[in-house]
Amino acid sequence: MFRQLVRMFSSRLAATRLGRAARFFSVTIALGAVVFIGVIRVSEGAMATTARFATISARWSMWLVAICIALAASHQRAVADRRDGIEMLALARGFDGSRLLAVRALAAFWFSLRWMLVPAICAAVMSMATSGSTSVLFDRAKVLLAVVLFAIASSLVLGPLGAIADGLAPKRGRSVFIAALILSGFLAEIARDPSLSITGGLGQLLRTLLHALGVGRLA
């Protein structure tokens, strides 16, 4: 029942306007990265540096995919589920209503992760496919690992945060989510430490992963 509800809530998120926008952005970023990498490879040859497109695609997907999905998850999802009888269906089948927030959070994470991975993996794999040597291929495989971990972390933070905001303020969850982003940004600005903001911290995580894997020049 838990898995069925996660899939159902994920599908309902996908059907929202922001959910559709997130999928559009995901595919657009992926296609753009693949085209740019192909063009650069043709124009500059085997020595073309294309791995950076994977990290750029991952960062853009955080802003345009994960945040869109988090906004969708924060916008009256509990109200909509109650209105459409989804909560009643879950309760009628013996599911503990107190766990519905956890289901919504997991659904937001899973939906966000799937569509964040599309541009990150497409760009990284295309970059690997255009590698001019084995050593370059190995470095670009490390970039692939970094952007996948970044996508997991971004989805794990932003998707559930949107669901939690909806749980805290069923009619104003989107405002709560946006306020969390803005307040963390203010805190980072006051402390002069970008990593203290939610998005800045995720960006710092990507840089840390790249450095840890020995490809910090792409951070």
Protein backbone atom coordinates (compact mmCIF):
# COMPACT_ATOMS: atom_id res chain seq x y z
CA MET A 1 0.00 0.00 0.00
CA PHE A 2 2.83 2.37 0.85
CA ARG A 3 4.48 1.93 -2.56
CA GLN A 4 1.14 2.27 -4.34
CA LEU A 5 0.48 5.56 -2.57
CA VAL A 6 3.97 6.87 -3.40
CA ARG A 7 3.39 6.08 -7.07
CA MET A 8 -0.07 7.63 -6.96
CA PHE A 9 1.10 10.84 -5.28
CA SER A 10 4.03 11.04 -7.67
CA SER A 11 1.66 10.74 -10.63
CA ARG A 12 -0.57 13.43 -9.17
CA LEU A 13 2.44 15.73 -8.80
CA ALA A 14 3.36 15.04 -12.41
CA ALA A 15 -0.12 16.11 -13.51
CA THR A 16 0.16 19.56 -11.93
CA ARG A 17 1.14 22.59 -14.01
CA LEU A 18 4.47 22.87 -12.20
CA GLY A 19 5.05 19.15 -12.54
CA ARG A 20 4.60 19.42 -16.30
CA ALA A 21 6.87 22.47 -16.37
CA ALA A 22 9.57 20.55 -14.48
CA ARG A 23 9.48 17.72 -17.02
CA PHE A 24 9.66 20.22 -19.89
CA PHE A 25 12.67 21.95 -18.34
CA SER A 26 14.33 18.59 -17.68
CA VAL A 27 14.07 17.47 -21.29
CA THR A 28 15.03 20.92 -22.61
CA ILE A 29 18.18 21.08 -20.48
CA ALA A 30 19.13 17.54 -21.52
CA LEU A 31 18.63 18.20 -25.22
CA GLY A 32 20.46 21.52 -25.03
CA ALA A 33 23.44 19.95 -23.30
CA VAL A 34 23.65 17.06 -25.76
CA VAL A 35 23.49 19.43 -28.76
CA PHE A 36 26.12 21.80 -27.32
CA ILE A 37 28.47 18.94 -26.47
CA GLY A 38 28.08 17.50 -29.97
CA VAL A 39 28.72 20.86 -31.62
CA ILE A 40 31.81 21.55 -29.50
CA ARG A 41 33.18 18.05 -30.11
CA VAL A 42 32.83 18.50 -33.87
CA SER A 43 34.30 22.00 -33.90
CA GLU A 44 37.18 21.45 -31.44
CA GLY A 45 37.97 17.79 -31.97
CA ALA A 46 39.01 15.10 -29.48
CA MET A 47 40.53 17.61 -27.06
CA ALA A 48 37.23 19.46 -26.57
CA THR A 49 36.39 20.03 -22.91
CA THR A 50 32.75 19.12 -22.50
CA ALA A 51 32.48 17.68 -18.98
CA ARG A 52 31.54 21.07 -17.55
CA PHE A 53 28.19 20.81 -19.35
CA ALA A 54 27.27 17.97 -17.01
CA THR A 55 27.79 20.10 -13.91
CA ILE A 56 26.03 23.08 -15.52
CA SER A 57 23.08 20.86 -16.46
CA ALA A 58 22.92 19.49 -12.90
CA ARG A 59 22.86 23.00 -11.42
CA TRP A 60 20.19 24.22 -13.83
CA SER A 61 18.10 21.14 -13.11
CA MET A 62 18.18 21.95 -9.41
CA TRP A 63 16.71 25.39 -10.09
CA LEU A 64 14.30 24.53 -12.90
CA VAL A 65 13.34 20.95 -12.09
CA ALA A 66 13.73 20.24 -8.37
CA ILE A 67 12.45 23.62 -7.23
CA CYS A 68 9.47 23.47 -9.61
CA ILE A 69 8.55 20.07 -8.20
CA ALA A 70 9.05 21.27 -4.63
CA LEU A 71 6.72 24.20 -5.36
CA ALA A 72 4.16 21.76 -6.73
CA ALA A 73 4.53 19.57 -3.64
CA SER A 74 4.02 22.58 -1.37
CA HIS A 75 0.84 23.83 -3.05
CA GLN A 76 -2.28 22.46 -1.34
CA ARG A 77 -1.51 18.82 -2.02
CA ALA A 78 -3.16 17.66 1.22
CA VAL A 79 -6.23 19.75 0.40
CA ALA A 80 -6.40 18.31 -3.13
CA ASP A 81 -5.94 14.74 -1.89
CA ARG A 82 -8.71 15.20 0.64
CA ARG A 83 -10.99 16.80 -1.94
CA ASP A 84 -10.40 14.02 -4.48
CA GLY A 85 -10.95 11.24 -1.96
CA ILE A 86 -7.35 10.00 -1.96
CA GLU A 87 -6.99 10.27 1.80
CA MET A 88 -10.31 8.48 2.32
CA LEU A 89 -9.19 5.69 -0.02
CA ALA A 90 -5.94 5.26 1.91
CA LEU A 91 -7.72 5.23 5.26
CA ALA A 92 -10.34 2.78 4.00
CA ARG A 93 -7.56 0.36 3.09
CA GLY A 94 -6.10 0.53 6.58
CA PHE A 95 -3.28 2.96 5.92
CA ASP A 96 -2.24 5.12 8.87
CA GLY A 97 -3.27 8.69 8.03
CA SER A 98 -0.41 10.11 10.10
CA ARG A 99 2.03 8.65 7.55
CA LEU A 100 0.54 10.46 4.56
CA LEU A 101 2.99 13.35 4.93
CA ALA A 102 5.88 10.88 4.71
CA VAL A 103 4.32 9.40 1.57
CA ARG A 104 3.98 12.86 -0.01
CA ALA A 105 7.59 13.69 0.90
CA LEU A 106 8.86 10.44 -0.61
CA ALA A 107 6.74 10.95 -3.73
CA ALA A 108 8.18 14.45 -4.18
CA PHE A 109 11.71 13.10 -3.71
CA TRP A 110 11.21 10.28 -6.20
CA PHE A 111 9.54 12.46 -8.85
CA SER A 112 12.23 15.13 -8.47
CA LEU A 113 15.07 12.60 -8.62
CA ARG A 114 13.84 10.97 -11.82
CA TRP A 115 13.63 14.23 -13.71
CA MET A 116 16.80 15.75 -12.25
CA LEU A 117 18.72 12.69 -13.40
CA VAL A 118 17.63 13.08 -17.02
CA PRO A 119 19.72 16.17 -17.90
CA ALA A 120 22.56 15.28 -15.52
CA ILE A 121 23.02 11.78 -16.93
CA CYS A 122 22.42 12.75 -20.56
CA ALA A 123 25.05 15.49 -20.42
CA ALA A 124 27.58 13.36 -18.52
CA VAL A 125 27.15 10.31 -20.76
CA MET A 126 27.35 12.43 -23.92
CA SER A 127 30.55 13.97 -22.57
CA MET A 128 31.95 10.52 -21.85
CA ALA A 129 31.02 9.36 -25.35
CA THR A 130 33.08 12.18 -26.86
CA SER A 131 36.17 11.52 -24.72
CA GLY A 132 39.45 11.59 -26.60
CA SER A 133 41.33 9.22 -24.29
CA THR A 134 40.86 6.63 -21.57
CA SER A 135 42.07 9.00 -18.83
CA VAL A 136 39.59 11.65 -19.94
CA LEU A 137 36.82 9.06 -20.05
CA PHE A 138 37.66 8.01 -16.48
CA ASP A 139 37.55 11.64 -15.28
CA ARG A 140 34.19 12.16 -16.95
CA ALA A 141 32.88 9.00 -15.30
CA LYS A 142 33.75 10.66 -11.99
CA VAL A 143 31.74 13.70 -13.07
CA LEU A 144 28.81 11.39 -13.80
CA LEU A 145 29.03 10.01 -10.26
CA ALA A 146 29.19 13.52 -8.80
CA VAL A 147 26.13 14.82 -10.66
CA VAL A 148 24.11 11.71 -9.79
CA LEU A 149 24.92 12.16 -6.09
CA PHE A 150 24.10 15.86 -6.40
CA ALA A 151 20.73 15.02 -7.96
CA ILE A 152 19.97 12.60 -5.13
CA ALA A 153 20.90 15.18 -2.48
CA SER A 154 18.98 18.02 -4.16
CA SER A 155 15.86 15.90 -4.55
CA LEU A 156 16.17 14.62 -0.99
CA VAL A 157 16.29 18.18 0.37
CA LEU A 158 13.96 20.16 -1.89
CA GLY A 159 11.18 17.68 -2.65
CA PRO A 160 10.44 16.69 0.96
CA LEU A 161 10.88 20.33 2.06
CA GLY A 162 8.02 21.25 -0.26
CA ALA A 163 5.86 18.45 1.15
CA ILE A 164 6.68 19.47 4.72
CA ALA A 165 5.77 23.09 3.95
CA ASP A 166 2.41 21.86 2.68
CA GLY A 167 1.94 19.82 5.85
CA LEU A 168 2.74 22.83 8.06
CA ALA A 169 0.50 25.24 6.15
CA PRO A 170 -1.98 23.37 3.94
CA LYS A 171 -3.28 26.57 2.34
CA ARG A 172 -0.02 28.54 2.28
CA GLY A 173 2.61 25.87 1.85
CA ARG A 174 4.12 27.47 -1.22
CA SER A 175 4.69 30.71 0.71
CA VAL A 176 6.35 28.73 3.52
CA PHE A 177 8.64 26.97 1.06
CA ILE A 178 9.63 30.20 -0.69
CA ALA A 179 10.17 31.88 2.68
CA ALA A 180 12.51 29.06 3.70
CA LEU A 181 14.58 29.59 0.56
CA ILE A 182 14.67 33.37 1.02
CA LEU A 183 15.45 33.29 4.74
CA SER A 184 18.27 30.81 4.24
CA GLY A 185 19.59 33.11 1.51
CA PHE A 186 19.50 36.08 3.89
CA LEU A 187 21.31 34.07 6.54
CA ALA A 188 23.99 33.14 4.03
CA GLU A 189 24.34 36.78 2.99
CA ILE A 190 24.64 38.01 6.58
CA ALA A 191 27.21 35.34 7.42
CA ARG A 192 28.96 35.83 4.07
CA ASP A 193 28.83 32.09 3.59
CA PRO A 194 26.80 30.98 0.53
CA SER A 195 26.75 27.39 1.76
CA LEU A 196 24.36 28.40 4.58
CA SER A 197 21.53 28.88 2.11
CA ILE A 198 19.58 25.84 0.95
CA THR A 199 20.52 26.18 -2.70
CA GLY A 200 24.01 27.46 -1.89
CA GLY A 201 24.64 24.49 0.35
CA LEU A 202 23.63 22.11 -2.42
CA GLY A 203 25.90 23.94 -4.84
CA GLN A 204 28.74 23.63 -2.34
CA LEU A 205 28.03 19.93 -2.06
CA LEU A 206 28.51 19.52 -5.81
CA ARG A 207 31.81 21.39 -5.67
CA THR A 208 32.94 19.25 -2.73
CA LEU A 209 32.06 16.05 -4.57
CA LEU A 210 33.98 17.14 -7.65
CA HIS A 211 37.04 18.04 -5.58
CA ALA A 212 36.83 14.78 -3.63
CA LEU A 213 36.75 12.83 -6.89
CA GLY A 214 39.75 14.69 -8.27
CA VAL A 215 37.92 16.74 -10.90
CA GLY A 216 37.67 19.95 -8.91
CA ARG A 217 38.61 22.05 -11.95
CA LEU A 218 35.01 21.53 -13.12
CA ALA A 219 33.51 22.82 -9.85
